[in-house]
Amino acid sequence: MSNAVATIRQDIYDTRDSFAAVLSEPGLSFEREAGFAVQTIQANDYMVKVAMGNRQSVVNAVTNIAAIGISLNPAKKQAYLVPRDGKICLDISYIGLMDLAMATGAIRWAQAELVLANDNFALQGMDRPPLHSFNPFAKDRGDVVGVYVVVKTSDGDYLTETMSADEVNAIRDRSSAWKAYQSKGKSCPWVTDWGEMAKKTCVKRAYKYWPKTEQLEQAIHHLNTEGNEGLAADGPQRDEGLGQRWVEQATKAESTERLAEVWQAGLADIKKARDMAAYSEFKAAVEKRGEALKQAEANTIEGEAQCES
């Protein structure tokens, strides 16, 4: 086994140049990430066996760390190397996805939580955080009924995505890991860490409404393809022209009264779509047009006053 570990170790350290070539986060250290990768694989005989059976998968996983800009540091809980389908895969946690979104400026802050049957939970609209209260010391909060993720955008607004336990399990049922568990009894995160997987599933649905960044898109694509997590086509499709249509209406508003009407109508339409990108775009246009209209009205009043004098 020591010879096998030495071989895998060499494979990992041989990725130094390719790691540097695709590095998207300058703060990532190749030496540290390579060390974490070696520690993870050599700690488990089965991992070593899988790695030796598919050495290229180890190279790909380590290179993906650099391309996505995420760390294997156990203290950060962002990402892990796991054996799956005869290869070593990079698995990104829900914490890793949220950290990526914050690090790239897509959002300021994020939190994912499970909701249990005896909790009090209520949504408060599109741009306010939900109300979620419970007794953390209660011996029985009931079964998990759902999960949510709430984020604060760069504009200071909030966006909340919710999923019921049934919706989460429908996604779980499409994953290769769950299918392997059902057919062969192979343990998988959906069995050992359902709550963590539920949070990640909700984050992956919610991100579609966040401002887009290349690193986050790449991380989600990696999970949907290499991770076989079954979310590539999940969730509602975004109406790419929604925000622009309402921006045009706001720009054409000829009075503050008309602008207020456009704001209310546009807000209702965008809330239905739960499209935070469209909301941010529309809000900025309304604020800009509002300032212009107020200035124009102030100039008119000043001009009338001068004429009267």
Protein backbone atom coordinates (compact mmCIF):
# COMPACT_ATOMS: atom_id res chain seq x y z
CA MET A 1 0.00 0.00 0.00
CA SER A 2 2.91 2.36 0.71
CA ASN A 3 4.04 2.09 -2.92
CA ALA A 4 0.52 2.92 -4.09
CA VAL A 5 0.37 5.97 -1.83
CA ALA A 6 3.75 7.11 -3.14
CA THR A 7 2.48 6.79 -6.71
CA ILE A 8 -0.67 8.81 -6.00
CA ARG A 9 1.35 11.39 -4.10
CA GLN A 10 3.61 11.84 -7.13
CA ASP A 11 0.59 12.12 -9.44
CA ILE A 12 -0.82 14.87 -7.24
CA TYR A 13 2.41 16.86 -7.05
CA ASP A 14 2.90 16.47 -10.80
CA THR A 15 -0.22 18.65 -11.29
CA ARG A 16 1.66 21.74 -10.06
CA ASP A 17 1.90 23.36 -13.51
CA SER A 18 -1.68 22.59 -14.58
CA PHE A 19 -2.90 23.76 -11.15
CA ALA A 20 -1.16 27.11 -11.65
CA ALA A 21 -2.41 27.41 -15.23
CA VAL A 22 -6.10 27.27 -14.27
CA LEU A 23 -5.89 28.87 -10.81
CA SER A 24 -8.87 31.21 -10.31
CA GLU A 25 -8.23 32.14 -6.67
CA PRO A 26 -4.71 33.54 -6.03
CA GLY A 27 -5.06 32.81 -2.30
CA LEU A 28 -5.03 29.05 -2.89
CA SER A 29 -1.67 27.41 -2.19
CA PHE A 30 -0.74 24.41 -4.32
CA GLU A 31 1.43 22.95 -1.56
CA ARG A 32 -1.38 23.13 0.98
CA GLU A 33 -4.06 21.76 -1.34
CA ALA A 34 -1.78 18.96 -2.56
CA GLY A 35 -1.05 18.10 1.07
CA PHE A 36 -4.76 17.98 1.92
CA ALA A 37 -5.39 15.73 -1.09
CA VAL A 38 -2.64 13.29 -0.12
CA GLN A 39 -3.84 13.18 3.51
CA THR A 40 -7.41 12.45 2.43
CA ILE A 41 -6.53 9.62 0.08
CA GLN A 42 -3.89 7.89 2.19
CA ALA A 43 -6.18 7.85 5.24
CA ASN A 44 -8.51 5.35 3.57
CA ASP A 45 -7.45 2.08 1.93
CA TYR A 46 -10.52 2.10 -0.31
CA MET A 47 -9.67 5.62 -1.51
CA VAL A 48 -6.16 4.45 -2.37
CA LYS A 49 -7.57 1.49 -4.30
CA VAL A 50 -9.96 3.69 -6.30
CA ALA A 51 -7.24 6.27 -6.94
CA MET A 52 -4.85 3.61 -8.25
CA GLY A 53 -7.60 2.24 -10.48
CA ASN A 54 -8.23 5.67 -12.01
CA ARG A 55 -5.18 7.87 -11.50
CA GLN A 56 -6.38 10.45 -14.03
CA SER A 57 -9.44 11.13 -11.87
CA VAL A 58 -7.12 12.23 -9.05
CA VAL A 59 -5.35 14.62 -11.40
CA ASN A 60 -8.70 15.99 -12.61
CA ALA A 61 -9.99 16.46 -9.06
CA VAL A 62 -6.92 18.40 -7.92
CA THR A 63 -6.98 20.56 -11.05
CA ASN A 64 -10.67 21.30 -10.48
CA ILE A 65 -9.81 22.66 -7.04
CA ALA A 66 -7.74 25.38 -8.72
CA ALA A 67 -10.19 26.06 -11.54
CA ILE A 68 -13.16 26.47 -9.20
CA GLY A 69 -11.21 28.27 -6.49
CA ILE A 70 -12.18 26.14 -3.51
CA SER A 71 -10.16 24.52 -0.72
CA LEU A 72 -9.83 20.99 0.66
CA ASN A 73 -8.90 22.45 4.06
CA PRO A 74 -10.98 20.36 6.52
CA ALA A 75 -11.43 23.37 8.79
CA LYS A 76 -13.27 25.29 6.06
CA LYS A 77 -15.64 22.42 5.15
CA GLN A 78 -15.84 23.70 1.58
CA ALA A 79 -14.91 20.62 -0.44
CA TYR A 80 -13.84 17.00 -0.15
CA LEU A 81 -12.33 14.23 -2.26
CA VAL A 82 -14.66 11.23 -2.39
CA PRO A 83 -14.66 7.87 -4.21
CA ARG A 84 -17.59 7.63 -6.62
CA ASP A 85 -18.30 5.42 -9.65
CA GLY A 86 -14.77 4.05 -9.74
CA LYS A 87 -13.00 7.41 -9.60
CA ILE A 88 -11.91 10.12 -7.17
CA CYS A 89 -14.26 13.11 -7.38
CA LEU A 90 -14.21 16.63 -6.00
CA ASP A 91 -17.36 17.10 -3.91
CA ILE A 92 -18.35 20.67 -2.99
CA SER A 93 -20.44 21.27 0.14
CA TYR A 94 -23.26 23.80 0.50
CA ILE A 95 -20.86 25.86 2.63
CA GLY A 96 -18.38 25.82 -0.23
CA LEU A 97 -21.01 27.00 -2.70
CA MET A 98 -22.07 29.87 -0.42
CA ASP A 99 -18.44 30.82 0.28
CA LEU A 100 -17.78 30.93 -3.47
CA ALA A 101 -20.78 33.18 -4.03
CA MET A 102 -19.64 35.56 -1.29
CA ALA A 103 -15.97 35.53 -2.33
CA THR A 104 -16.84 36.38 -5.94
CA GLY A 105 -19.19 39.20 -4.95
CA ALA A 106 -22.42 37.57 -6.12
CA ILE A 107 -23.87 37.99 -2.63
CA ARG A 108 -22.82 39.53 0.70
CA TRP A 109 -24.11 36.90 3.09
CA ALA A 110 -25.89 33.54 3.04
CA GLN A 111 -27.46 31.05 5.41
CA ALA A 112 -29.08 27.65 4.82
CA GLU A 113 -31.29 26.01 7.45
CA LEU A 114 -33.62 23.05 7.89
CA VAL A 115 -37.21 23.68 9.01
CA LEU A 116 -38.80 21.14 11.36
CA ALA A 117 -42.48 20.45 11.93
CA ASN A 118 -42.69 22.25 15.29
CA ASP A 119 -40.77 25.35 14.16
CA ASN A 120 -42.43 28.66 13.33
CA PHE A 121 -41.55 29.68 9.78
CA ALA A 122 -43.01 32.41 7.56
CA LEU A 123 -41.91 34.18 4.38
CA GLN A 124 -42.09 37.99 4.35
CA GLY A 125 -41.89 38.79 0.67
CA MET A 126 -39.15 39.00 -1.90
CA ASP A 127 -36.78 41.50 -0.33
CA ARG A 128 -37.05 40.66 3.38
CA PRO A 129 -35.58 37.68 5.27
CA PRO A 130 -38.00 34.98 6.49
CA LEU A 131 -39.07 34.59 10.11
CA HIS A 132 -37.81 31.32 11.59
CA SER A 133 -38.08 30.69 15.32
CA PHE A 134 -37.72 27.55 17.41
CA ASN A 135 -36.48 26.31 20.76
CA PRO A 136 -32.93 25.04 20.17
CA PHE A 137 -33.12 23.02 23.39
CA ALA A 138 -36.41 21.27 22.56
CA LYS A 139 -36.12 17.49 22.75
CA ASP A 140 -38.50 17.03 19.84
CA ARG A 141 -38.80 19.66 17.12
CA GLY A 142 -40.53 17.14 14.88
CA ASP A 143 -39.55 15.77 11.49
CA VAL A 144 -37.83 17.86 8.83
CA VAL A 145 -40.49 19.40 6.59
CA GLY A 146 -38.31 21.62 4.43
CA VAL A 147 -35.17 23.66 3.91
CA TYR A 148 -34.42 27.24 2.92
CA VAL A 149 -31.50 29.45 1.97
CA VAL A 150 -31.58 33.21 2.48
CA VAL A 151 -28.97 35.54 0.98
CA LYS A 152 -28.25 39.25 1.19
CA THR A 153 -27.43 40.79 -2.18
CA SER A 154 -24.85 43.45 -2.96
CA ASP A 155 -27.72 45.98 -2.94
CA GLY A 156 -28.66 45.04 0.62
CA ASP A 157 -31.82 43.16 -0.37
CA TYR A 158 -32.75 39.63 0.63
CA LEU A 159 -33.75 36.62 -1.44
CA THR A 160 -35.13 33.41 0.03
CA GLU A 161 -35.50 30.04 -1.69
CA THR A 162 -37.51 27.25 -0.07
CA MET A 163 -37.90 23.55 -0.80
CA SER A 164 -40.14 21.01 0.89
CA ALA A 165 -38.69 17.69 2.05
CA ASP A 166 -40.62 15.99 -0.76
CA GLU A 167 -39.03 18.30 -3.36
CA VAL A 168 -35.58 17.54 -1.97
CA ASN A 169 -36.22 13.80 -2.04
CA ALA A 170 -37.38 14.02 -5.65
CA ILE A 171 -33.92 15.41 -6.49
CA ARG A 172 -32.26 12.78 -4.32
CA ASP A 173 -34.05 10.01 -6.20
CA ARG A 174 -32.38 11.13 -9.46
CA SER A 175 -28.82 11.00 -8.11
CA SER A 176 -26.49 8.14 -8.97
CA ALA A 177 -25.37 7.86 -5.34
CA TRP A 178 -28.93 7.24 -4.13
CA LYS A 179 -29.61 4.76 -6.93
CA ALA A 180 -26.45 2.85 -5.98
CA TYR A 181 -27.61 2.78 -2.36
CA GLN A 182 -30.99 1.39 -3.35
CA SER A 183 -29.64 -1.24 -5.72
CA LYS A 184 -26.42 -2.28 -4.00
CA GLY A 185 -26.73 -0.98 -0.45
CA LYS A 186 -23.71 1.33 -0.93
CA SER A 187 -23.61 4.08 1.67
CA CYS A 188 -23.95 7.63 0.36
CA PRO A 189 -24.32 11.19 1.71
CA TRP A 190 -28.09 11.04 1.20
CA VAL A 191 -28.13 8.31 3.86
CA THR A 192 -25.47 9.58 6.26
CA ASP A 193 -25.95 13.37 5.87
CA TRP A 194 -29.44 14.02 4.50
CA GLY A 195 -29.63 17.48 6.09
CA GLU A 196 -26.38 18.67 4.53
CA MET A 197 -27.43 17.34 1.13
CA ALA A 198 -30.83 19.04 1.48
CA LYS A 199 -29.12 22.38 2.14
CA LYS A 200 -26.84 21.93 -0.86
CA THR A 201 -29.81 21.03 -3.06
CA CYS A 202 -31.61 24.22 -2.00
CA VAL A 203 -28.49 26.36 -2.53
CA LYS A 204 -28.09 24.94 -6.03
CA ARG A 205 -31.66 25.89 -6.90
CA ALA A 206 -31.39 29.33 -5.28
CA TYR A 207 -28.18 30.33 -7.07
CA LYS A 208 -30.09 30.62 -10.37
CA TYR A 209 -31.54 33.90 -9.09
CA TRP A 210 -28.25 35.35 -7.85
CA PRO A 211 -25.94 37.59 -9.90
CA LYS A 212 -23.84 35.24 -12.03
CA THR A 213 -20.12 34.65 -11.52
CA GLU A 214 -17.94 32.30 -13.55
CA GLN A 215 -16.53 30.44 -10.54
CA LEU A 216 -19.95 29.68 -9.07
CA GLU A 217 -21.30 28.60 -12.46
CA GLN A 218 -18.32 26.28 -12.88
CA ALA A 219 -18.82 24.78 -9.42
CA ILE A 220 -22.50 24.05 -10.06
CA HIS A 221 -21.74 22.62 -13.50
CA HIS A 222 -19.11 20.37 -11.94
CA LEU A 223 -21.58 19.01 -9.38
CA ASN A 224 -24.27 18.43 -11.98
CA THR A 225 -21.93 16.55 -14.33
CA GLU A 226 -18.99 15.02 -12.44
CA GLY A 227 -21.03 14.75 -9.24
CA ASN A 228 -24.11 13.26 -10.92
CA GLU A 229 -26.35 15.13 -8.50
CA GLY A 230 -29.26 15.39 -10.91
CA LEU A 231 -29.91 19.12 -10.87
CA ALA A 232 -28.81 20.15 -14.35
CA ALA A 233 -32.33 20.91 -15.53
CA ASP A 234 -34.03 21.36 -12.18
CA GLY A 235 -36.08 24.39 -11.24
CA PRO A 236 -37.88 27.07 -13.22
CA GLN A 237 -36.25 28.55 -16.31
CA ARG A 238 -35.33 32.21 -16.06
CA ASP A 239 -37.05 34.73 -18.34
CA GLU A 240 -33.96 36.55 -19.58
CA GLY A 241 -35.95 39.57 -20.80
CA LEU A 242 -38.04 40.10 -17.65
CA GLY A 243 -35.84 42.73 -16.02
CA GLN A 244 -35.22 44.62 -19.25
CA ARG A 245 -38.93 44.90 -20.05
CA TRP A 246 -39.65 46.60 -16.76
CA VAL A 247 -36.51 48.74 -16.99
CA GLU A 248 -37.84 50.13 -20.28
CA GLN A 249 -41.21 50.93 -18.67
CA ALA A 250 -39.50 52.68 -15.77
CA THR A 251 -37.33 54.71 -18.14
CA LYS A 252 -40.42 55.85 -20.08
CA ALA A 253 -42.35 56.98 -16.97
CA GLU A 254 -43.14 60.70 -17.34
CA SER A 255 -44.06 61.44 -13.73
CA THR A 256 -43.31 60.17 -10.23
CA GLU A 257 -46.93 58.97 -10.00
CA ARG A 258 -46.56 56.91 -13.16
CA LEU A 259 -43.20 55.59 -11.95
CA ALA A 260 -44.82 54.42 -8.70
CA GLU A 261 -47.44 52.52 -10.72
CA VAL A 262 -44.73 50.88 -12.84
CA TRP A 263 -42.81 49.96 -9.69
CA GLN A 264 -45.78 48.22 -8.10
CA ALA A 265 -46.71 46.33 -11.27
CA GLY A 266 -43.13 45.34 -12.05
CA LEU A 267 -42.45 44.24 -8.49
CA ALA A 268 -45.49 41.96 -8.52
CA ASP A 269 -44.43 40.42 -11.84
CA ILE A 270 -40.84 39.86 -10.75
CA LYS A 271 -41.90 38.42 -7.39
CA LYS A 272 -43.82 35.69 -9.21
CA ALA A 273 -40.66 34.74 -11.08
CA ARG A 274 -38.49 35.07 -7.95
CA ASP A 275 -35.79 36.55 -10.17
CA MET A 276 -33.42 38.55 -7.97
CA ALA A 277 -31.24 39.61 -10.88
CA ALA A 278 -34.26 41.13 -12.62
CA TYR A 279 -35.32 42.74 -9.33
CA SER A 280 -31.92 44.38 -8.83
CA GLU A 281 -31.86 45.61 -12.43
CA PHE A 282 -35.40 47.01 -12.19
CA LYS A 283 -34.83 48.61 -8.78
CA ALA A 284 -31.72 50.45 -10.01
CA ALA A 285 -33.61 51.77 -13.05
CA VAL A 286 -36.54 52.97 -10.91
CA GLU A 287 -34.20 54.76 -8.48
CA LYS A 288 -32.33 56.43 -11.34
CA ARG A 289 -35.54 57.52 -13.08
CA GLY A 290 -37.01 58.68 -9.78
CA GLU A 291 -34.07 60.99 -9.14
CA ALA A 292 -34.33 62.42 -12.66
CA LEU A 293 -38.08 63.06 -12.33
CA LYS A 294 -37.70 64.70 -8.91
CA GLN A 295 -34.99 66.99 -10.26
CA ALA A 296 -37.13 67.89 -13.28
CA GLU A 297 -40.13 68.65 -11.06
CA ALA A 298 -37.94 70.77 -8.75
CA ASN A 299 -36.64 72.75 -11.72
CA THR A 300 -40.20 73.32 -12.95
CA ILE A 301 -41.33 74.63 -9.56
CA GLU A 302 -38.28 76.89 -9.34
CA GLY A 303 -38.95 78.24 -12.84
CA GLU A 304 -42.59 78.98 -12.04
CA ALA A 305 -41.58 80.80 -8.87
CA GLN A 306 -39.17 83.02 -10.80
CA CYS A 307 -41.86 83.89 -13.35
CA GLU A 308 -44.31 84.88 -10.63
CA SER A 309 -41.74 87.15 -9.02
